[in-house]
């Protein structure tokens, strides 16, 4: 069973439009280095409104994840 703080944190991530890289990594179970690599390779679009922190749009992350489908129907 997950601790209450962890469940609340994950719930908060699901209501955000943009996630920081570490938040996206935690929420989707993807390594931070993989996300940074996807940004570098222009697989994912990153936003830097404060010229410091990368923000990723949840819908774009989910679309990117869907490109890795392993099941062919």
Protein backbone atom coordinates (compact mmCIF):
# COMPACT_ATOMS: atom_id res chain seq x y z
CA UNK A 1 0.00 0.00 0.00
CA UNK A 2 1.34 3.44 -0.95
CA UNK A 3 1.87 6.10 1.72
CA UNK A 4 -0.77 8.84 1.74
CA UNK A 5 1.76 11.57 0.85
CA UNK A 6 2.83 9.63 -2.26
CA UNK A 7 -0.79 9.11 -3.38
CA UNK A 8 -1.56 12.82 -2.90
CA UNK A 9 1.58 13.80 -4.85
CA UNK A 10 0.67 11.50 -7.75
CA UNK A 11 -2.89 12.83 -7.76
CA UNK A 12 -1.53 16.39 -7.94
CA UNK A 13 0.62 15.43 -10.94
CA UNK A 14 -2.43 14.10 -12.77
CA UNK A 15 -4.17 17.48 -12.51
CA UNK A 16 -1.24 19.52 -13.86
CA UNK A 17 -0.96 20.50 -17.52
CA UNK A 18 2.85 20.75 -17.34
CA UNK A 19 5.26 18.63 -15.33
CA UNK A 20 8.88 19.17 -14.41
CA UNK A 21 11.20 16.43 -15.66
CA UNK A 22 11.54 14.83 -12.23
CA UNK A 23 7.75 14.90 -11.76
CA UNK A 24 7.17 13.29 -15.16
CA UNK A 25 9.79 10.64 -14.40
CA UNK A 26 8.11 9.80 -11.11
CA UNK A 27 4.56 9.90 -12.46
CA UNK A 28 5.18 7.83 -15.61
CA UNK A 29 7.96 5.61 -14.26
CA UNK A 30 10.47 6.80 -16.86
CA UNK A 31 14.07 7.65 -16.04
CA UNK A 32 15.02 11.32 -15.94
CA UNK A 33 17.95 10.66 -18.26
CA UNK A 34 15.58 9.07 -20.80
CA UNK A 35 13.37 12.18 -20.69
CA UNK A 36 16.35 14.52 -21.05
CA UNK A 37 17.58 12.38 -23.95
CA UNK A 38 14.18 12.64 -25.65
CA UNK A 39 14.33 16.43 -25.24
CA UNK A 40 17.87 16.55 -26.66
CA UNK A 41 16.85 14.33 -29.63
CA UNK A 42 13.78 16.51 -30.20
CA UNK A 43 11.44 13.59 -29.53
CA UNK A 44 9.80 15.65 -26.77
CA UNK A 45 9.18 19.36 -26.79
CA UNK A 46 10.32 21.12 -23.62
CA UNK A 47 9.31 24.53 -22.39
CA UNK A 48 11.62 26.77 -20.30
CA UNK A 49 9.54 29.76 -19.21
CA UNK A 50 12.04 30.80 -16.55
CA UNK A 51 15.10 29.82 -18.68
CA UNK A 52 16.04 27.28 -16.01
CA UNK A 53 13.50 24.50 -15.48
CA UNK A 54 12.29 22.26 -18.27
CA UNK A 55 8.53 21.75 -18.36
CA UNK A 56 6.88 18.98 -20.33
CA UNK A 57 3.26 18.96 -21.41
CA UNK A 58 1.45 15.87 -20.09
CA UNK A 59 -0.43 15.27 -23.35
CA UNK A 60 2.84 15.40 -25.32
CA UNK A 61 4.53 12.95 -22.93
CA UNK A 62 1.61 10.55 -23.28
CA UNK A 63 1.69 10.82 -27.10
CA UNK A 64 5.44 10.15 -27.03
CA UNK A 65 4.94 7.09 -24.79
CA UNK A 66 2.32 5.75 -27.21
CA UNK A 67 4.91 5.71 -30.00
CA UNK A 68 6.61 2.83 -28.16
CA UNK A 69 3.68 0.42 -28.47
CA UNK A 70 4.83 -3.20 -28.59
CA UNK A 71 1.47 -4.80 -29.45
CA UNK A 72 0.36 -4.92 -33.04
CA UNK A 73 -3.31 -5.77 -33.56
